[in-house]
Every structure is written in C-alpha cells, then in structure tokens.
C-alpha cells in the first residue's frame, strides 16, 4: 500500500509517500510544496493544486491521510490552512484517492502514545520507525511522514471493524 501523508499549509505543505508491506514500512518520498507569499492567494492555491497533482501522478498513492484543520488562536493562520486543506482534499478527490483525516493529537497519540507530544518526540519516532539516518526536515515534511505512519497504523483496525459490521 502506498500512502500519501499531507500536512497542509498555504505557505508550506508537507508531503510524504510511504510504502507499507506487512509489518515493514519505508519512506519513498518526502518534501514540501512552497508557495510564494508575494503572490495573490488564488494563484498560490492554483500552484498548490498543480504541484500536488504532479506528486499524485508521479507516485499514484493508494490512499491519503491529511492532518485535519484545527482551531487556531490566529484566525488568519486558521483561514489559510483551511484554504490549503480544501485544495488538497479537492486534488485527492479528483484523483479518486480515498482520504482519511487525523487530528494532530491523534497522530501524536498513535506514534508516541501521548497526544501532547512535542515535534522533537514525533520526529524521533518517525526517524526510528522508518530507519532514517536523522530526523526528517523541514518540520512540515516530518509531520507528513507522521500522518502517513498514523494512517498505516490505523488501517488494519479500521478494516477489521468494517468487516465485522
């Protein structure tokens, strides 16, 4: 199973492709999509859509996991993340990729066993679970890997529940 993990943002969107086979999971690709802050918002959203569509076409993920937009004290930040998240969801839906959303605390709980784990803890767990030489960076890319790993971990239980109902 190829999973695309996404940490949405208007300025920087982290993405990661992981491959899961049985109990083995490996990172295939990781990076960020950056948009130019000097450009109008609509143009930045088009750029995000275009770049994400290229990633989807290149890697053809089976499933996608995205960090769910959360309420932020900064309304401007929450609005821009919400816009980017909408573009990401649209891009994935256009490609007919099944999507699951995970809250930041659910990702931290799944990986670290603690919903308030800090970025350093999450980064170290991602490094350890994927056998990477160092903590992945930038933080948005590391978060995308964490989201993908959370999904890989959640899928077997979700499918077992679906079969049981």
Protein backbone atom coordinates (compact mmCIF):
# COMPACT_ATOMS: atom_id res chain seq x y z
CA UNK A 1 0.00 0.00 0.00
CA UNK A 2 1.30 3.44 -0.97
CA UNK A 3 0.09 6.17 1.40
CA UNK A 4 0.38 9.89 0.78
CA UNK A 5 0.58 11.89 4.01
CA UNK A 6 -0.15 15.61 3.84
CA UNK A 7 0.44 18.42 6.34
CA UNK A 8 -1.48 21.25 4.65
CA UNK A 9 -0.44 24.88 4.70
CA UNK A 10 -0.68 27.81 2.32
CA UNK A 11 3.00 28.78 2.52
CA UNK A 12 4.35 25.27 3.06
CA UNK A 13 2.57 21.96 2.57
CA UNK A 14 4.46 18.88 3.71
CA UNK A 15 4.02 15.65 1.79
CA UNK A 16 5.31 12.12 2.22
CA UNK A 17 4.84 8.84 0.41
CA UNK A 18 5.32 5.70 2.46
CA UNK A 19 5.04 2.11 1.31
CA UNK A 20 3.65 -0.44 3.70
CA UNK A 21 4.09 -4.17 3.14
CA UNK A 22 3.07 -6.34 6.04
CA UNK A 23 4.97 -5.09 9.07
CA UNK A 24 7.54 -3.16 7.02
CA UNK A 25 7.07 0.50 6.17
CA UNK A 26 9.54 2.63 4.28
CA UNK A 27 9.68 6.24 3.17
CA UNK A 28 9.57 6.55 -0.62
CA UNK A 29 9.45 10.34 -0.97
CA UNK A 30 9.25 13.30 1.38
CA UNK A 31 9.30 17.01 0.81
CA UNK A 32 7.40 20.27 0.83
CA UNK A 33 5.43 22.34 -1.61
CA UNK A 34 6.13 26.03 -1.10
CA UNK A 35 4.09 28.89 -2.49
CA UNK A 36 5.30 32.45 -2.99
CA UNK A 37 3.91 34.70 -0.24
CA UNK A 38 4.15 37.69 -2.59
CA UNK A 39 1.58 36.17 -4.99
CA UNK A 40 -2.20 36.52 -4.63
CA UNK A 41 -3.84 33.79 -2.57
CA UNK A 42 -5.80 32.39 -5.51
CA UNK A 43 -2.60 31.94 -7.53
CA UNK A 44 -0.92 30.23 -4.58
CA UNK A 45 -3.84 27.79 -4.29
CA UNK A 46 -3.60 27.01 -8.01
CA UNK A 47 0.14 26.38 -7.56
CA UNK A 48 -0.53 24.05 -4.62
CA UNK A 49 -3.14 22.16 -6.66
CA UNK A 50 -0.83 21.81 -9.65
CA UNK A 51 2.16 20.63 -7.59
CA UNK A 52 0.10 18.15 -5.59
CA UNK A 53 -1.45 16.79 -8.80
CA UNK A 54 2.09 16.14 -10.08
CA UNK A 55 3.01 14.26 -6.92
CA UNK A 56 -0.17 12.16 -7.18
CA UNK A 57 0.54 11.41 -10.85
CA UNK A 58 4.18 10.51 -10.15
CA UNK A 59 3.57 8.20 -7.16
CA UNK A 60 -0.05 7.06 -7.64
CA UNK A 61 -0.82 6.55 -3.95
CA UNK A 62 -3.49 4.03 -2.96
CA UNK A 63 -4.72 6.13 -0.05
CA UNK A 64 -4.12 9.53 1.50
CA UNK A 65 -4.05 10.87 5.02
CA UNK A 66 -4.26 14.56 5.82
CA UNK A 67 -3.93 16.49 9.03
CA UNK A 68 -7.35 17.78 9.97
CA UNK A 69 -7.68 21.54 10.26
CA UNK A 70 -7.84 22.57 13.87
CA UNK A 71 -8.98 25.80 15.50
CA UNK A 72 -6.07 28.16 15.90
CA UNK A 73 -5.99 31.30 18.01
CA UNK A 74 -4.68 33.13 14.95
CA UNK A 75 -7.69 33.48 12.63
CA UNK A 76 -5.52 34.35 9.63
CA UNK A 77 -3.44 31.18 10.06
CA UNK A 78 -6.55 29.03 10.51
CA UNK A 79 -8.12 30.53 7.38
CA UNK A 80 -5.04 29.98 5.20
CA UNK A 81 -4.60 26.39 6.43
CA UNK A 82 -8.30 25.77 5.79
CA UNK A 83 -7.97 27.05 2.24
CA UNK A 84 -4.92 24.89 1.57
CA UNK A 85 -6.64 21.88 3.13
CA UNK A 86 -9.64 22.37 0.83
CA UNK A 87 -7.37 22.41 -2.23
CA UNK A 88 -5.60 19.26 -1.02
CA UNK A 89 -8.92 17.46 -0.47
CA UNK A 90 -10.11 18.54 -3.92
CA UNK A 91 -6.89 17.37 -5.59
CA UNK A 92 -7.09 13.96 -3.93
CA UNK A 93 -10.81 13.56 -4.63
CA UNK A 94 -10.26 14.42 -8.30
CA UNK A 95 -7.74 11.57 -8.43
CA UNK A 96 -10.26 9.22 -6.72
CA UNK A 97 -7.88 8.59 -3.81
CA UNK A 98 -9.55 7.54 -0.54
CA UNK A 99 -8.83 10.14 2.15
CA UNK A 100 -8.74 9.94 5.94
CA UNK A 101 -8.26 12.95 8.20
CA UNK A 102 -6.44 12.81 11.53
CA UNK A 103 -6.22 15.46 14.22
CA UNK A 104 -2.73 16.48 15.35
CA UNK A 105 -3.34 14.90 18.76
CA UNK A 106 -4.48 11.61 17.16
CA UNK A 107 -1.26 11.46 15.12
CA UNK A 108 0.84 12.13 18.23
CA UNK A 109 -1.10 9.54 20.23
CA UNK A 110 -0.71 6.91 17.51
CA UNK A 111 3.03 7.44 17.12
CA UNK A 112 4.18 8.46 20.59
CA UNK A 113 1.41 7.18 22.86
CA UNK A 114 0.87 10.75 24.10
CA UNK A 115 -1.46 13.25 22.41
CA UNK A 116 0.57 16.25 23.52
CA UNK A 117 3.97 15.00 22.35
CA UNK A 118 6.19 17.76 21.00
CA UNK A 119 7.64 17.97 17.49
CA UNK A 120 11.01 16.65 18.69
CA UNK A 121 9.42 13.48 20.08
CA UNK A 122 7.36 12.93 16.93
CA UNK A 123 10.40 13.48 14.72
CA UNK A 124 12.46 10.95 16.68
CA UNK A 125 9.70 8.33 16.48
CA UNK A 126 9.37 8.89 12.71
CA UNK A 127 13.14 8.54 12.35
CA UNK A 128 13.20 5.34 14.39
CA UNK A 129 10.17 3.69 12.74
CA UNK A 130 11.41 4.38 9.24
CA UNK A 131 15.08 3.65 9.96
CA UNK A 132 16.17 7.09 8.77
CA UNK A 133 19.68 8.41 9.42
CA UNK A 134 18.32 11.57 11.05
CA UNK A 135 15.14 13.36 11.98
CA UNK A 136 13.47 14.36 8.70
CA UNK A 137 13.13 18.02 7.89
CA UNK A 138 11.73 20.52 7.48
CA UNK A 139 9.07 20.09 10.17
CA UNK A 140 6.20 20.09 7.65
CA UNK A 141 7.76 17.12 5.82
CA UNK A 142 8.35 15.27 9.11
CA UNK A 143 4.71 15.91 10.05
CA UNK A 144 3.57 14.50 6.70
CA UNK A 145 5.57 11.32 7.40
CA UNK A 146 3.96 11.11 10.85
CA UNK A 147 0.48 11.48 9.34
CA UNK A 148 1.21 8.74 6.79
CA UNK A 149 2.53 6.44 9.53
CA UNK A 150 -0.54 7.13 11.66
CA UNK A 151 -2.72 6.07 8.73
CA UNK A 152 -0.71 2.91 8.08
CA UNK A 153 -1.13 2.04 11.75
CA UNK A 154 -4.88 2.78 11.78
CA UNK A 155 -5.86 0.94 8.57
CA UNK A 156 -5.81 -2.67 9.88
CA UNK A 157 -8.14 -1.81 12.77
CA UNK A 158 -10.45 0.23 10.54
CA UNK A 159 -10.72 -2.62 8.04
CA UNK A 160 -11.34 -5.18 10.80
CA UNK A 161 -14.20 -3.06 12.13
CA UNK A 162 -15.65 -2.67 8.61
CA UNK A 163 -15.57 -6.45 8.11
CA UNK A 164 -17.25 -7.03 11.46
CA UNK A 165 -20.18 -4.71 10.73
